[in-house]
């Protein structure tokens, strides 16, 4: 049973659409058959639901027929790319009549001899991120068996209700009390350094995305510090986010949401269903806390949240934030998740699929950060992406915040013992000093000394030849801009890599726009 209100079932955020574009020769009839078999196997994908208004609960049964996957030949029908995009949007956003229809639908679209789209859409009431991976893997296995002429022999999956742990009301109440005690006093809002535009209702759900990735050297240094503190990439993301929010605004106490797979019991490992739950952890920064302190605090908070991951969030929210808006997240408008979704899917030898970005994308958080540790040729890169309501926040503000996240990562990697909120040790030069060539040289030398940790460099030798690297260059850009009050860009320092060149550079650079908060 799920306890939900009717409006919640109809919101676009309750849909889990997926579009996979395959490159290579696909047997479309076999692919359709594979999707049909996968839909038929799982009780949750055959479910029908009934809303009991009196009890405010949703009841379901799983003896209904599965949805029949569709097949369209866009190439033969002369579709343009815009036509394809419109079809994907329609399939991804169309609501389900959960009382009459199965909560999963699919369509295979032939785009050409070597291009095929598989569009899946499943209601969140029976589906989560883990389920998506399980379903795609199963479709792939069934497809390979089909093209080989083999008869697949998949096992019968258990009913989702049979693997849900049952707890007494007293046990739940005790856990809720523990979580409420740990989170009480933290503000349920997170003050973001973005200018908020006016918006109306569902328009705020339209999402946009910006992403960045640290270079390999910065990543290795960040992860080395994290390993010393026993922190995962997810915990690193939470530390970078909360540290940067504290640096760019007045808030020091944060509630951060994250999605927990809810599959601690091995019996749920291969079951398609909605087991994922939202968990909230608390991060508090105090004056003088270093990056190591912050990482350690996030680790403790994260472990506490993991232990109580099965506590009903609605009960916690009702105790902490009884005036919550039913449309928006109940405790925190900010989410951090580890992004483990595969970037490609090999349907068969010679047929590779990739996830196709969805437009429009719907979002129910003010800010959702996804953390991914990518490995290429033995080197790792920490990738960060930010989803945000594009009708509420401007792209420029979010892009600037991404830069702030990169600066925080550089500080964590290079100066983990420094306070997160420490003001720059480099004194800001008075405007008159920049008119004096000797004063400009002294200013640049002092910043180089701070960044390189030495005075052993010459005014006419490149920053990189003096011991600098790409990580330290990020810090140099920030510190030199702070010290001079001038706008300094990374590309400018590449073109003027010496002390003398940078002294002349800041002489002609425009004044930087003022920024708020500690940096």
Protein backbone atom coordinates (compact mmCIF):
# COMPACT_ATOMS: atom_id res chain seq x y z
CA UNK A 1 0.00 0.00 0.00
CA UNK A 2 1.11 3.56 -0.67
CA UNK A 3 -0.32 6.59 1.14
CA UNK A 4 -0.63 9.38 -1.44
CA UNK A 5 -3.02 12.09 -2.46
CA UNK A 6 -4.62 12.12 -5.91
CA UNK A 7 -2.89 15.31 -7.07
CA UNK A 8 0.51 13.80 -6.28
CA UNK A 9 -0.20 10.94 -8.67
CA UNK A 10 -0.76 13.34 -11.56
CA UNK A 11 2.28 15.58 -11.19
CA UNK A 12 4.95 15.30 -13.91
CA UNK A 13 7.57 14.71 -11.22
CA UNK A 14 5.83 11.38 -10.52
CA UNK A 15 6.86 10.04 -13.94
CA UNK A 16 10.17 8.31 -14.67
CA UNK A 17 10.75 8.71 -18.42
CA UNK A 18 13.78 7.22 -20.17
CA UNK A 19 14.83 7.59 -23.80
CA UNK A 20 17.65 5.40 -25.12
CA UNK A 21 19.02 5.98 -28.62
CA UNK A 22 20.68 2.91 -30.14
CA UNK A 23 23.26 3.09 -32.88
CA UNK A 24 23.64 -0.04 -35.00
CA UNK A 25 21.34 -2.57 -36.70
CA UNK A 26 18.38 -3.29 -34.41
CA UNK A 27 15.74 -5.97 -34.97
CA UNK A 28 12.75 -3.84 -34.05
CA UNK A 29 10.25 -6.69 -33.76
CA UNK A 30 12.54 -8.53 -31.35
CA UNK A 31 13.05 -5.34 -29.31
CA UNK A 32 9.29 -4.80 -29.03
CA UNK A 33 8.85 -8.43 -28.00
CA UNK A 34 11.60 -8.07 -25.37
CA UNK A 35 9.91 -5.05 -23.82
CA UNK A 36 6.56 -6.86 -23.86
CA UNK A 37 8.06 -9.87 -22.04
CA UNK A 38 9.76 -7.65 -19.45
CA UNK A 39 6.52 -5.75 -18.75
CA UNK A 40 4.60 -9.02 -18.38
CA UNK A 41 7.07 -10.56 -15.93
CA UNK A 42 6.90 -7.98 -13.17
CA UNK A 43 3.79 -7.65 -10.97
CA UNK A 44 4.44 -3.97 -10.31
CA UNK A 45 4.39 -3.14 -14.04
CA UNK A 46 0.96 -4.83 -14.40
CA UNK A 47 -0.57 -3.08 -11.38
CA UNK A 48 -3.83 -1.14 -11.23
CA UNK A 49 -4.56 1.35 -8.44
CA UNK A 50 -7.60 2.62 -6.61
CA UNK A 51 -7.71 5.70 -4.42
CA UNK A 52 -9.57 5.19 -1.13
CA UNK A 53 -10.50 8.80 -0.38
CA UNK A 54 -11.93 8.04 3.04
CA UNK A 55 -8.74 6.36 4.26
CA UNK A 56 -6.45 8.56 2.11
CA UNK A 57 -4.58 5.60 0.78
CA UNK A 58 -3.92 3.96 -2.56
CA UNK A 59 -4.77 0.28 -2.94
CA UNK A 60 -3.53 -1.88 -5.79
CA UNK A 61 -3.81 -5.25 -7.48
CA UNK A 62 -1.37 -6.87 -9.89
CA UNK A 63 -3.49 -9.26 -11.97
CA UNK A 64 -4.06 -6.83 -14.85
CA UNK A 65 -2.54 -7.17 -18.33
CA UNK A 66 0.73 -5.36 -19.14
CA UNK A 67 0.91 -2.46 -21.56
CA UNK A 68 1.50 -3.26 -25.21
CA UNK A 69 4.68 -1.57 -26.52
CA UNK A 70 4.25 0.47 -29.68
CA UNK A 71 6.38 0.49 -32.84
CA UNK A 72 6.71 3.48 -35.14
CA UNK A 73 8.81 3.89 -38.27
CA UNK A 74 9.76 7.56 -38.26
CA UNK A 75 12.03 7.11 -41.29
CA UNK A 76 9.25 5.63 -43.42
CA UNK A 77 6.74 8.21 -42.21
CA UNK A 78 9.11 11.08 -43.03
CA UNK A 79 9.46 12.51 -39.53
CA UNK A 80 11.83 15.41 -39.01
CA UNK A 81 14.06 15.63 -35.92
CA UNK A 82 11.56 18.12 -34.49
CA UNK A 83 8.79 15.55 -35.02
CA UNK A 84 10.87 12.97 -33.14
CA UNK A 85 11.49 15.40 -30.28
CA UNK A 86 7.79 16.18 -30.02
CA UNK A 87 6.94 12.48 -29.93
CA UNK A 88 9.47 11.83 -27.16
CA UNK A 89 8.07 14.77 -25.16
CA UNK A 90 4.52 13.47 -25.58
CA UNK A 91 5.44 9.95 -24.49
CA UNK A 92 7.48 11.24 -21.54
CA UNK A 93 4.88 13.63 -20.15
CA UNK A 94 1.52 11.93 -20.81
CA UNK A 95 -0.17 11.07 -17.47
CA UNK A 96 -1.30 7.58 -16.53
CA UNK A 97 -4.84 6.56 -15.64
CA UNK A 98 -3.62 4.26 -12.87
CA UNK A 99 -7.08 2.86 -12.27
CA UNK A 100 -7.43 1.58 -15.85
CA UNK A 101 -3.97 1.34 -17.37
CA UNK A 102 -0.72 -0.38 -16.49
CA UNK A 103 1.79 2.07 -14.93
CA UNK A 104 4.40 1.45 -17.63
CA UNK A 105 4.43 2.20 -21.34
CA UNK A 106 6.99 1.97 -24.13
CA UNK A 107 7.48 2.76 -27.78
CA UNK A 108 10.20 1.71 -30.20
CA UNK A 109 10.86 4.31 -32.92
CA UNK A 110 12.92 3.46 -35.98
CA UNK A 111 14.82 6.61 -36.97
CA UNK A 112 16.88 5.04 -39.76
CA UNK A 113 18.92 1.98 -40.73
CA UNK A 114 21.38 2.53 -37.85
CA UNK A 115 19.34 4.59 -35.37
CA UNK A 116 16.56 3.43 -33.06
CA UNK A 117 14.84 5.04 -30.09
CA UNK A 118 13.41 3.16 -27.12
CA UNK A 119 11.17 5.44 -25.05
CA UNK A 120 10.06 4.09 -21.67
CA UNK A 121 7.83 5.85 -19.18
CA UNK A 122 6.87 4.35 -15.83
CA UNK A 123 4.98 5.94 -12.95
CA UNK A 124 7.08 6.62 -9.86
CA UNK A 125 4.55 4.75 -7.70
CA UNK A 126 6.09 1.46 -8.92
CA UNK A 127 9.50 2.54 -10.15
CA UNK A 128 12.76 4.09 -8.98
CA UNK A 129 16.27 4.60 -10.32
CA UNK A 130 17.40 1.09 -9.41
CA UNK A 131 14.32 -0.36 -11.10
CA UNK A 132 15.19 1.49 -14.29
CA UNK A 133 18.59 -0.18 -14.41
CA UNK A 134 17.04 -3.58 -13.73
CA UNK A 135 14.44 -3.13 -16.47
CA UNK A 136 16.97 -2.00 -19.09
CA UNK A 137 19.26 -4.93 -18.23
CA UNK A 138 16.37 -7.36 -18.55
CA UNK A 139 15.29 -5.93 -21.91
CA UNK A 140 18.87 -6.32 -23.12
CA UNK A 141 19.05 -9.97 -21.97
CA UNK A 142 15.71 -10.80 -23.58
CA UNK A 143 16.74 -9.07 -26.81
CA UNK A 144 20.00 -11.00 -27.05
CA UNK A 145 18.18 -14.26 -26.50
CA UNK A 146 15.63 -13.27 -29.14
CA UNK A 147 18.14 -12.44 -31.87
CA UNK A 148 19.98 -15.69 -31.10
CA UNK A 149 16.77 -17.68 -31.41
CA UNK A 150 17.05 -18.88 -27.82
CA UNK A 151 14.17 -19.31 -25.44
CA UNK A 152 14.81 -17.11 -22.37
CA UNK A 153 14.25 -18.71 -18.99
CA UNK A 154 14.04 -15.83 -16.53
CA UNK A 155 13.00 -16.59 -12.97
CA UNK A 156 9.67 -15.41 -11.62
CA UNK A 157 10.28 -12.20 -9.68
CA UNK A 158 8.75 -11.95 -6.21
CA UNK A 159 5.85 -9.62 -5.58
CA UNK A 160 7.10 -6.24 -4.26
CA UNK A 161 4.76 -6.48 -1.26
CA UNK A 162 6.37 -9.76 -0.19
CA UNK A 163 9.78 -8.19 0.39
CA UNK A 164 8.71 -5.08 2.30
CA UNK A 165 9.71 -5.21 5.96
CA UNK A 166 6.83 -4.86 8.40
CA UNK A 167 7.33 -2.71 11.50
CA UNK A 168 5.04 -1.94 14.36
CA UNK A 169 3.68 1.60 14.87
CA UNK A 170 5.68 1.78 18.10
CA UNK A 171 8.93 0.98 16.31
CA UNK A 172 8.24 3.62 13.68
CA UNK A 173 7.32 6.24 16.30
CA UNK A 174 10.56 5.62 18.19
CA UNK A 175 12.66 6.06 15.05
CA UNK A 176 10.76 9.20 14.06
CA UNK A 177 11.43 10.72 17.48
CA UNK A 178 15.16 10.03 17.15
CA UNK A 179 15.35 11.68 13.71
CA UNK A 180 13.26 14.68 14.78
CA UNK A 181 15.55 15.21 17.76
CA UNK A 182 18.60 15.19 15.52
CA UNK A 183 17.18 17.60 12.94
CA UNK A 184 15.19 19.96 15.18
CA UNK A 185 16.35 23.56 15.06
CA UNK A 186 17.75 23.47 11.53
CA UNK A 187 15.95 25.77 9.08
CA UNK A 188 13.85 23.85 6.53
CA UNK A 189 14.86 26.30 3.83
CA UNK A 190 18.27 26.68 2.18
CA UNK A 191 19.23 30.20 1.18
CA UNK A 192 20.67 29.96 -2.32
CA UNK A 193 22.82 32.78 -3.76
CA UNK A 194 20.46 33.14 -6.72
CA UNK A 195 18.00 35.86 -7.64
CA UNK A 196 14.54 34.29 -7.55
CA UNK A 197 12.13 35.22 -10.33
CA UNK A 198 8.39 35.17 -9.87
CA UNK A 199 6.73 31.96 -11.01
CA UNK A 200 3.34 30.32 -11.03
CA UNK A 201 2.53 26.76 -10.02
CA UNK A 202 3.72 23.98 -12.26
CA UNK A 203 5.95 26.30 -14.31
CA UNK A 204 8.48 26.06 -11.50
CA UNK A 205 8.85 22.35 -12.29
CA UNK A 206 10.58 22.98 -15.63
CA UNK A 207 14.22 22.16 -15.08
CA UNK A 208 17.56 23.11 -16.59
CA UNK A 209 21.04 21.66 -16.07
CA UNK A 210 24.60 22.96 -15.86
CA UNK A 211 27.63 20.77 -15.27
CA UNK A 212 31.36 20.92 -14.68
CA UNK A 213 34.17 18.47 -13.96
CA UNK A 214 37.37 18.83 -11.97
CA UNK A 215 40.61 17.98 -13.71
CA UNK A 216 42.33 14.69 -12.89
CA UNK A 217 44.93 16.23 -10.61
CA UNK A 218 42.40 18.14 -8.52
CA UNK A 219 40.18 15.08 -8.34
CA UNK A 220 42.97 12.86 -7.04
CA UNK A 221 43.91 15.37 -4.35
CA UNK A 222 40.27 15.85 -3.29
CA UNK A 223 39.65 12.11 -3.13
CA UNK A 224 42.90 11.53 -1.23
CA UNK A 225 41.78 13.95 1.50
CA UNK A 226 38.30 12.37 1.46
CA UNK A 227 39.77 8.88 1.85
CA UNK A 228 41.71 9.99 4.91
CA UNK A 229 38.41 11.07 6.48
CA UNK A 230 36.54 7.95 5.35
CA UNK A 231 34.29 9.91 2.97
CA UNK A 232 32.61 8.68 -0.20
CA UNK A 233 32.20 10.78 -3.39
CA UNK A 234 28.64 11.51 -2.26
CA UNK A 235 29.92 12.90 1.05
CA UNK A 236 32.48 14.99 -0.82
CA UNK A 237 29.63 16.47 -2.87
CA UNK A 238 27.66 17.36 0.26
CA UNK A 239 30.75 18.98 1.84
CA UNK A 240 31.52 21.03 -1.28
CA UNK A 241 27.90 22.14 -1.60
CA UNK A 242 27.36 23.17 2.03
CA UNK A 243 30.83 24.74 2.28
CA UNK A 244 30.17 26.81 -0.84
CA UNK A 245 26.70 27.83 0.32
CA UNK A 246 28.21 29.01 3.62
CA UNK A 247 30.90 30.95 1.74
CA UNK A 248 28.38 32.71 -0.50
CA UNK A 249 25.67 33.43 2.05
CA UNK A 250 24.85 33.86 5.74
CA UNK A 251 23.48 30.34 6.43
CA UNK A 252 25.58 27.88 8.47
CA UNK A 253 23.07 25.14 9.30
CA UNK A 254 21.72 23.05 6.42
CA UNK A 255 19.29 20.21 5.82
CA UNK A 256 20.24 18.33 2.67
CA UNK A 257 18.03 15.68 1.07
CA UNK A 258 19.26 12.59 -0.75
CA UNK A 259 17.64 9.53 -2.27
CA UNK A 260 18.27 6.20 -0.56
CA UNK A 261 17.74 3.05 -2.71
CA UNK A 262 15.90 1.28 0.11
CA UNK A 263 17.28 -2.12 -0.90
CA UNK A 264 19.20 -3.16 2.20
CA UNK A 265 17.43 -6.53 2.16
CA UNK A 266 19.00 -8.84 -0.50
CA UNK A 267 15.46 -10.03 -1.32
CA UNK A 268 14.77 -6.64 -2.94
CA UNK A 269 17.92 -6.62 -5.09
CA UNK A 270 16.21 -7.81 -8.29
CA UNK A 271 12.66 -6.55 -7.68
CA UNK A 272 11.21 -3.77 -9.79
CA UNK A 273 9.28 -1.52 -7.44
CA UNK A 274 9.33 1.80 -5.62
CA UNK A 275 11.67 1.19 -2.68
CA UNK A 276 13.62 4.43 -2.91
CA UNK A 277 13.04 6.93 -0.12
CA UNK A 278 14.14 10.48 0.61
CA UNK A 279 16.46 10.90 3.58
CA UNK A 280 17.65 14.17 5.13
CA UNK A 281 21.01 14.83 6.76
CA UNK A 282 22.09 17.87 8.72
CA UNK A 283 25.36 19.75 8.19
CA UNK A 284 26.41 22.56 10.53
CA UNK A 285 29.49 24.74 10.04
CA UNK A 286 31.12 26.51 12.97
CA UNK A 287 33.65 29.33 12.96
CA UNK A 288 37.10 27.92 12.36
CA UNK A 289 35.93 24.60 10.90
CA UNK A 290 38.45 23.36 8.35
CA UNK A 291 37.66 21.37 5.23
CA UNK A 292 38.71 18.25 7.13
CA UNK A 293 36.30 19.15 9.93
CA UNK A 294 33.54 19.64 7.38
CA UNK A 295 34.21 16.29 5.70
CA UNK A 296 34.27 14.54 9.07
CA UNK A 297 30.99 16.18 10.09
CA UNK A 298 29.32 15.22 6.83
CA UNK A 299 30.47 11.63 7.29
CA UNK A 300 28.95 11.43 10.79
CA UNK A 301 25.70 13.05 9.65
CA UNK A 302 25.55 10.79 6.63
CA UNK A 303 26.02 7.64 8.68
CA UNK A 304 23.29 8.73 11.11
CA UNK A 305 20.94 9.35 8.20
CA UNK A 306 21.79 6.00 6.61
CA UNK A 307 20.92 4.17 9.83
CA UNK A 308 17.46 5.79 9.88
CA UNK A 309 16.91 5.67 6.11
CA UNK A 310 13.66 3.70 6.50
CA UNK A 311 11.99 6.33 8.67
CA UNK A 312 8.89 7.82 6.94
CA UNK A 313 9.85 11.32 5.85
CA UNK A 314 6.24 12.51 5.97
CA UNK A 315 6.11 11.82 9.72
CA UNK A 316 9.40 13.64 10.31
CA UNK A 317 8.24 16.56 8.17
CA UNK A 318 4.93 16.85 9.98
CA UNK A 319 6.78 17.21 13.29
CA UNK A 320 9.42 19.66 12.07
CA UNK A 321 7.61 21.65 9.41
CA UNK A 322 3.83 21.38 9.84
CA UNK A 323 3.23 24.36 7.50
CA UNK A 324 5.08 22.73 4.59
CA UNK A 325 3.90 23.32 1.03
CA UNK A 326 2.48 20.07 -0.37
CA UNK A 327 3.85 20.89 -3.85
CA UNK A 328 7.47 21.38 -2.82
CA UNK A 329 9.80 19.07 -0.85
CA UNK A 330 8.77 18.90 2.81
CA UNK A 331 12.06 19.55 4.63
CA UNK A 332 14.81 20.68 2.27
CA UNK A 333 14.63 22.26 -1.19
CA UNK A 334 18.17 21.01 -1.95
CA UNK A 335 19.06 17.47 -3.01
CA UNK A 336 22.44 15.76 -3.46
CA UNK A 337 22.66 12.38 -5.19
CA UNK A 338 25.41 10.10 -6.41
CA UNK A 339 25.01 9.68 -10.16
CA UNK A 340 25.67 6.02 -10.99
CA UNK A 341 23.50 5.73 -14.11
CA UNK A 342 25.33 4.03 -17.00
CA UNK A 343 26.24 6.37 -19.82
CA UNK A 344 25.89 3.65 -22.45
CA UNK A 345 24.03 0.38 -22.91
CA UNK A 346 25.24 -2.38 -25.24
CA UNK A 347 22.03 -3.93 -26.55
CA UNK A 348 23.95 -6.49 -28.62
CA UNK A 349 27.36 -6.71 -30.31
CA UNK A 350 27.57 -3.72 -32.63
CA UNK A 351 24.53 -2.00 -31.10
CA UNK A 352 25.27 0.65 -28.47
CA UNK A 353 22.72 2.84 -26.72
CA UNK A 354 23.07 6.16 -24.93
CA UNK A 355 20.62 8.02 -22.73
CA UNK A 356 18.99 10.84 -24.64
CA UNK A 357 18.48 14.09 -22.65
CA UNK A 358 14.83 14.80 -21.96
CA UNK A 359 13.22 18.11 -22.87
CA UNK A 360 11.36 19.30 -20.94
CA UNK A 361 12.91 18.03 -17.74
CA UNK A 362 10.87 18.32 -14.57
CA UNK A 363 12.37 19.07 -11.17
CA UNK A 364 10.83 19.35 -7.73
CA UNK A 365 13.85 20.86 -5.92
CA UNK A 366 15.27 24.37 -5.90
CA UNK A 367 18.64 22.77 -6.53
CA UNK A 368 19.64 19.16 -7.18
CA UNK A 369 23.35 18.36 -7.36
CA UNK A 370 24.53 15.08 -8.87
CA UNK A 371 28.01 13.78 -8.10
CA UNK A 372 29.78 11.37 -10.43
CA UNK A 373 33.29 9.91 -10.24
CA UNK A 374 34.29 9.18 -13.83
CA UNK A 375 37.23 6.95 -14.74
CA UNK A 376 39.00 7.23 -18.09
CA UNK A 377 42.30 5.57 -18.99
CA UNK A 378 43.09 4.98 -15.34
CA UNK A 379 42.49 8.60 -14.29
CA UNK A 380 39.48 9.89 -12.37
CA UNK A 381 37.47 13.09 -12.67
CA UNK A 382 34.88 14.33 -10.20
CA UNK A 383 31.91 15.61 -12.19
CA UNK A 384 29.26 17.88 -10.65
CA UNK A 385 25.96 18.79 -12.30
CA UNK A 386 23.27 21.14 -11.03
CA UNK A 387 19.58 20.76 -11.91
CA UNK A 388 17.47 23.83 -11.13
CA UNK A 389 14.08 25.31 -12.07
CA UNK A 390 14.94 27.38 -15.13
CA UNK A 391 11.85 29.55 -14.73
CA UNK A 392 12.92 30.51 -11.21
CA UNK A 393 16.71 30.98 -11.27
CA UNK A 394 18.91 32.52 -13.93
CA UNK A 395 21.58 30.56 -15.79
CA UNK A 396 24.23 33.17 -14.98
CA UNK A 397 23.72 32.82 -11.21
CA UNK A 398 23.90 29.03 -11.35
CA UNK A 399 26.97 29.13 -13.59
CA UNK A 400 28.69 31.46 -11.11
CA UNK A 401 27.83 29.04 -8.31
CA UNK A 402 29.43 26.20 -10.29
CA UNK A 403 32.61 28.28 -10.43
CA UNK A 404 32.36 28.74 -6.66
CA UNK A 405 32.08 24.96 -6.25
CA UNK A 406 35.26 24.52 -8.30
CA UNK A 407 37.08 27.05 -6.13
CA UNK A 408 35.92 25.20 -3.01
CA UNK A 409 37.22 21.93 -4.47
CA UNK A 410 40.58 23.55 -5.20
CA UNK A 411 40.79 24.81 -1.61
CA UNK A 412 39.82 21.42 -0.20
CA UNK A 413 42.47 19.72 -2.33
CA UNK A 414 45.27 22.18 -1.63
CA UNK A 415 44.53 23.61 1.82
CA UNK A 416 42.42 21.01 3.69
CA UNK A 417 43.62 22.35 7.07
CA UNK A 418 42.42 25.89 6.30
CA UNK A 419 39.10 27.15 7.71
CA UNK A 420 36.28 26.90 5.19
CA UNK A 421 35.07 30.41 6.00
CA UNK A 422 38.46 32.06 6.41
CA UNK A 423 38.78 35.35 4.62
CA UNK A 424 41.54 35.51 2.06
CA UNK A 425 44.94 36.01 3.68
CA UNK A 426 45.96 38.24 0.77
CA UNK A 427 45.35 41.91 1.62
CA UNK A 428 43.34 43.80 -0.94
CA UNK A 429 45.41 46.52 -2.53
CA UNK A 430 44.10 50.05 -2.55
CA UNK A 431 43.11 51.29 -6.02
CA UNK A 432 45.97 53.85 -6.00
CA UNK A 433 48.55 51.06 -5.60
CA UNK A 434 47.58 49.64 -9.00
CA UNK A 435 48.77 52.83 -10.69
CA UNK A 436 52.28 52.18 -9.41
CA UNK A 437 54.23 49.53 -11.42
CA UNK A 438 56.25 48.59 -8.33
CA UNK A 439 53.06 48.22 -6.28
CA UNK A 440 51.50 45.98 -8.91
CA UNK A 441 54.59 43.75 -9.00
CA UNK A 442 54.61 43.51 -5.20
CA UNK A 443 50.94 42.57 -5.18
CA UNK A 444 51.35 39.78 -7.76
CA UNK A 445 54.49 38.48 -6.00
CA UNK A 446 52.63 38.26 -2.69
CA UNK A 447 49.80 36.25 -4.28
CA UNK A 448 52.27 33.91 -6.00
CA UNK A 449 54.08 33.40 -2.68
CA UNK A 450 50.81 32.48 -0.98
CA UNK A 451 49.80 30.02 -3.71
CA UNK A 452 53.21 28.44 -4.34
CA UNK A 453 54.36 28.50 -0.72
CA UNK A 454 57.74 29.97 -1.68
CA UNK A 455 59.44 33.21 -2.67
CA UNK A 456 61.86 31.40 -4.97
CA UNK A 457 60.61 32.52 -8.38
CA UNK A 458 61.58 35.16 -10.92
CA UNK A 459 59.36 37.87 -12.36
CA UNK A 460 59.98 36.69 -15.94
CA UNK A 461 59.45 32.93 -15.42
CA UNK A 462 56.14 31.19 -16.14
CA UNK A 463 53.85 30.26 -13.25
CA UNK A 464 54.00 26.62 -14.36
CA UNK A 465 57.80 26.63 -14.56
CA UNK A 466 57.84 28.09 -11.03
CA UNK A 467 56.00 25.11 -9.54
CA UNK A 468 52.39 25.93 -10.41
CA UNK A 469 49.90 23.54 -11.94
CA UNK A 470 46.31 23.62 -13.23
CA UNK A 471 44.89 23.23 -9.72
CA UNK A 472 46.95 26.08 -8.30
CA UNK A 473 46.04 28.21 -11.32
CA UNK A 474 42.37 28.05 -10.22
CA UNK A 475 43.42 29.44 -6.85
CA UNK A 476 45.65 32.05 -8.48
CA UNK A 477 42.72 33.36 -10.53
CA UNK A 478 40.59 33.70 -7.41
CA UNK A 479 43.24 35.18 -5.11
CA UNK A 480 44.58 37.63 -7.68
CA UNK A 481 41.07 38.86 -8.41
CA UNK A 482 40.37 39.30 -4.70
CA UNK A 483 43.65 41.07 -4.00
CA UNK A 484 43.47 43.46 -6.94
CA UNK A 485 39.74 44.06 -7.10
CA UNK A 486 40.04 43.55 -10.84
CA UNK A 487 38.38 41.03 -13.15
CA UNK A 488 40.84 38.19 -13.75
CA UNK A 489 40.13 35.25 -16.06
CA UNK A 490 41.91 31.93 -16.43
CA UNK A 491 42.62 32.52 -20.12
CA UNK A 492 44.23 35.88 -19.32
CA UNK A 493 46.70 34.20 -16.95
CA UNK A 494 47.55 31.58 -19.57
CA UNK A 495 48.40 34.41 -21.97
CA UNK A 496 50.31 36.33 -19.30
CA UNK A 497 51.94 33.55 -17.22
CA UNK A 498 54.68 35.59 -15.50
CA UNK A 499 54.66 37.95 -12.53
CA UNK A 500 55.55 40.84 -14.79
CA UNK A 501 52.89 39.95 -17.33
CA UNK A 502 50.19 39.61 -14.70
CA UNK A 503 51.17 42.89 -13.10
CA UNK A 504 50.55 44.59 -16.43
CA UNK A 505 47.39 42.57 -16.91
CA UNK A 506 45.69 43.83 -13.75
CA UNK A 507 46.68 47.38 -14.63
CA UNK A 508 44.37 47.29 -17.62
CA UNK A 509 41.70 44.91 -16.29
CA UNK A 510 38.23 46.27 -15.46
CA UNK A 511 37.06 46.39 -11.85
CA UNK A 512 35.42 43.17 -10.69
CA UNK A 513 31.73 43.12 -9.81
CA UNK A 514 31.23 42.95 -6.04
CA UNK A 515 30.13 39.58 -4.61
CA UNK A 516 28.45 38.82 -1.32
CA UNK A 517 29.41 36.37 1.37
CA UNK A 518 32.72 34.93 2.45
CA UNK A 519 34.97 33.58 -0.26
